[in-house]
Amino acid sequence: MPELYALKEWAVICAALDRGLQIITLRKGGIEEEEGQFALRYPQFLLYPTFEHQNSADIQSQQLTLLENSKQGANSLQIIFNLWAKCERVVPVTSKEMAKALAGFTIWTSEALAKRFELYPTKPLLLLFLRAYHLNTPLIAPENPSYAGCRSWVPLVDLALPAGIIGPPVLPDNVFHQTAQEIDAIVKS
């Protein structure tokens, strides 16, 4: 059975991707990653909703209900995967101003995006364009101690992606591409 990988992301960001509220995420990397730097190791993956480090101060006020709703599975002994993602491309964010300008395309506040840019100043902040797809049925896996830790990628032990489980994209093609063009105007300036 080929290995299946998941990208760990805040549960509230997974919820935002699931609702089409954003098509991007921003990464620097986890402490346990090679050289502490994020790398796009797998272009397609499950999105693994995590609860560590979620902070209401980093979320736009109109999305705080989404944050509260995302906490419902926080104490579960299982992971519920609802999304498959394809990373369309990765773009470096080259300034704090550019990071803050992306707030209109995320549920993060501009201050939270600036903090992400400033965190570990020697490492680049990477913007990932994610094409999210609903799973036709949720994929449920037990928590595994090997999944723990501050890292982005998790090989999912003894879990396979059933045939036909990947459903439609969250956003129609035209909406996804229009949003990507608007974000490109920021990151290419």
Protein backbone atom coordinates (compact mmCIF):
# COMPACT_ATOMS: atom_id res chain seq x y z
CA MET A 1 0.00 0.00 0.00
CA PRO A 2 1.57 3.35 -1.00
CA GLU A 3 1.98 5.84 1.79
CA LEU A 4 -0.67 8.47 2.23
CA TYR A 5 0.37 11.86 3.61
CA ALA A 6 -1.45 14.64 5.38
CA LEU A 7 -0.53 18.28 5.88
CA LYS A 8 -1.21 19.44 9.44
CA GLU A 9 -3.08 22.75 9.53
CA TRP A 10 -5.13 24.62 12.11
CA ALA A 11 -8.63 23.16 12.24
CA VAL A 12 -10.10 26.63 11.69
CA ILE A 13 -8.03 27.07 8.51
CA CYS A 14 -9.22 23.65 7.31
CA ALA A 15 -12.78 24.84 8.00
CA ALA A 16 -12.13 28.04 6.01
CA LEU A 17 -10.75 26.02 3.09
CA ASP A 18 -13.75 23.68 3.36
CA ARG A 19 -16.14 26.64 3.03
CA GLY A 20 -14.21 28.36 0.23
CA LEU A 21 -13.29 31.31 2.45
CA GLN A 22 -9.66 31.03 1.39
CA ILE A 23 -7.54 29.15 -1.14
CA ILE A 24 -4.15 29.75 0.46
CA THR A 25 -2.17 28.90 3.53
CA LEU A 26 1.17 30.23 4.71
CA ARG A 27 4.00 28.06 6.02
CA LYS A 28 7.45 28.41 7.51
CA GLY A 29 7.85 24.95 8.97
CA GLY A 30 7.69 22.96 12.14
CA ILE A 31 10.40 22.47 14.72
CA GLU A 32 10.72 18.79 13.78
CA GLU A 33 11.13 19.42 10.06
CA GLU A 34 14.40 19.06 8.24
CA GLU A 35 16.34 22.22 9.08
CA GLY A 36 13.09 23.54 10.59
CA GLN A 37 12.00 24.67 7.12
CA PHE A 38 8.77 23.84 5.31
CA ALA A 39 9.13 22.08 1.97
CA LEU A 40 6.35 20.96 -0.33
CA ARG A 41 7.17 17.25 -0.21
CA TYR A 42 3.84 16.02 -1.58
CA PRO A 43 1.77 17.96 -4.14
CA GLN A 44 -1.46 16.15 -3.13
CA PHE A 45 -2.50 15.28 0.39
CA LEU A 46 -5.20 15.11 3.00
CA LEU A 47 -5.66 18.14 5.23
CA TYR A 48 -5.16 17.16 8.88
CA PRO A 49 -7.06 19.53 11.20
CA THR A 50 -5.01 20.34 14.29
CA PHE A 51 -5.83 22.37 17.37
CA GLU A 52 -2.39 23.32 18.66
CA HIS A 53 -1.49 27.00 18.44
CA GLN A 54 -4.96 28.13 17.30
CA ASN A 55 -5.47 31.59 18.74
CA SER A 56 -8.60 33.70 18.58
CA ALA A 57 -6.50 36.88 18.44
CA ASP A 58 -5.13 35.71 15.06
CA ILE A 59 -8.56 35.23 13.49
CA GLN A 60 -10.68 38.01 12.00
CA SER A 61 -13.56 38.85 14.32
CA GLN A 62 -16.26 37.87 11.80
CA GLN A 63 -14.75 34.35 11.70
CA LEU A 64 -14.57 33.67 15.45
CA THR A 65 -17.68 31.46 15.25
CA LEU A 66 -15.81 29.32 12.71
CA LEU A 67 -12.95 29.04 15.20
CA GLU A 68 -15.31 27.99 18.01
CA ASN A 69 -17.04 25.44 15.77
CA SER A 70 -13.67 24.00 14.70
CA LYS A 71 -12.79 23.19 18.32
CA GLN A 72 -15.51 20.55 18.58
CA GLY A 73 -13.16 17.69 17.71
CA ALA A 74 -10.27 18.94 19.84
CA ASN A 75 -10.37 16.17 22.45
CA SER A 76 -11.20 13.33 20.13
CA LEU A 77 -9.05 10.22 19.86
CA GLN A 78 -9.63 10.16 16.12
CA ILE A 79 -8.86 12.40 13.17
CA ILE A 80 -11.66 13.26 10.78
CA PHE A 81 -10.41 14.14 7.33
CA ASN A 82 -12.88 16.04 5.15
CA LEU A 83 -10.59 17.54 2.52
CA TRP A 84 -8.13 16.47 -0.12
CA ALA A 85 -5.86 19.20 -1.47
CA LYS A 86 -3.62 19.76 -4.45
CA CYS A 87 -1.00 22.43 -4.10
CA GLU A 88 -1.15 24.36 -7.36
CA ARG A 89 2.04 26.30 -6.59
CA VAL A 90 4.22 27.78 -3.87
CA VAL A 91 5.22 31.46 -3.86
CA PRO A 92 7.57 33.20 -1.41
CA VAL A 93 6.16 36.12 0.55
CA THR A 94 8.98 38.66 0.41
CA SER A 95 7.85 41.42 2.77
CA LYS A 96 5.77 42.00 5.87
CA GLU A 97 3.61 44.43 3.87
CA MET A 98 2.91 41.70 1.31
CA ALA A 99 1.99 39.27 4.11
CA LYS A 100 -0.41 41.79 5.66
CA ALA A 101 -1.99 42.53 2.25
CA LEU A 102 -3.04 38.87 2.02
CA ALA A 103 -5.44 39.24 4.98
CA GLY A 104 -8.35 39.95 2.63
CA PHE A 105 -7.89 36.45 1.20
CA THR A 106 -7.72 34.59 4.52
CA ILE A 107 -9.45 34.44 7.87
CA TRP A 108 -6.22 35.52 9.61
CA THR A 109 -5.81 39.10 10.73
CA SER A 110 -3.20 41.24 9.02
CA GLU A 111 -1.32 41.33 12.34
CA ALA A 112 -1.24 37.53 12.48
CA LEU A 113 0.13 37.40 8.95
CA ALA A 114 2.81 39.94 9.85
CA LYS A 115 3.74 37.77 12.86
CA ARG A 116 4.04 34.74 10.60
CA PHE A 117 6.36 36.70 8.35
CA GLU A 118 8.52 37.82 11.30
CA LEU A 119 8.66 34.38 12.96
CA TYR A 120 12.07 32.81 12.32
CA PRO A 121 13.32 35.75 10.23
CA THR A 122 16.00 33.72 8.43
CA LYS A 123 13.39 31.38 6.94
CA PRO A 124 11.11 32.35 4.06
CA LEU A 125 7.35 32.54 4.46
CA LEU A 126 5.77 30.43 1.74
CA LEU A 127 2.31 30.91 0.32
CA LEU A 128 0.65 27.72 -0.88
CA PHE A 129 -2.20 27.92 -3.39
CA LEU A 130 -4.42 24.99 -2.39
CA ARG A 131 -7.15 23.52 -4.55
CA ALA A 132 -9.35 21.85 -1.95
CA TYR A 133 -11.71 18.96 -2.73
CA HIS A 134 -14.46 17.61 -0.51
CA LEU A 135 -14.27 13.95 0.37
CA ASN A 136 -17.47 12.12 -0.55
CA THR A 137 -17.42 10.58 2.92
CA PRO A 138 -15.15 11.63 5.79
CA LEU A 139 -12.07 9.51 6.26
CA ILE A 140 -11.60 8.66 9.93
CA ALA A 141 -8.37 7.48 11.49
CA PRO A 142 -7.32 6.90 15.08
CA GLU A 143 -4.83 9.35 16.54
CA ASN A 144 -1.40 7.82 16.50
CA PRO A 145 1.54 8.90 18.70
CA SER A 146 3.72 9.02 15.57
CA TYR A 147 1.55 11.90 14.28
CA ALA A 148 2.36 14.15 17.23
CA GLY A 149 4.86 16.97 17.17
CA CYS A 150 5.44 20.28 15.51
CA ARG A 151 5.84 19.26 11.89
CA SER A 152 3.90 19.79 8.72
CA TRP A 153 3.83 16.36 7.08
CA VAL A 154 2.45 13.18 8.59
CA PRO A 155 2.61 9.75 6.95
CA LEU A 156 -0.75 8.17 7.76
CA VAL A 157 -0.09 4.72 9.18
CA ASP A 158 -2.32 1.90 7.91
CA LEU A 159 -4.66 4.27 6.10
CA ALA A 160 -5.52 4.15 2.43
CA LEU A 161 -7.50 6.51 0.25
CA PRO A 162 -10.52 4.54 -0.98
CA ALA A 163 -11.27 4.70 -4.69
CA GLY A 164 -13.81 7.36 -5.55
CA ILE A 165 -13.63 9.16 -2.21
CA ILE A 166 -12.32 12.44 -3.65
CA GLY A 167 -15.32 14.52 -4.55
CA PRO A 168 -15.82 17.86 -6.23
CA PRO A 169 -13.63 20.89 -5.69
CA VAL A 170 -14.80 23.26 -2.97
CA LEU A 171 -14.84 26.18 -5.42
CA PRO A 172 -15.79 26.17 -9.10
CA ASP A 173 -12.85 26.60 -11.49
CA ASN A 174 -13.70 30.18 -12.42
CA VAL A 175 -13.93 31.33 -8.76
CA PHE A 176 -10.71 29.57 -7.80
CA HIS A 177 -8.77 31.02 -10.75
CA GLN A 178 -10.18 34.54 -10.29
CA THR A 179 -9.19 34.50 -6.61
CA ALA A 180 -5.73 33.15 -7.49
CA GLN A 181 -5.27 36.02 -9.99
CA GLU A 182 -6.19 38.58 -7.32
CA ILE A 183 -3.67 37.03 -4.90
CA ASP A 184 -1.04 36.94 -7.68
CA ALA A 185 -1.47 40.70 -8.08
CA ILE A 186 -0.32 41.08 -4.47
CA VAL A 187 2.56 38.61 -4.45
CA LYS A 188 3.93 39.66 -7.84
CA SER A 189 4.02 43.37 -6.96
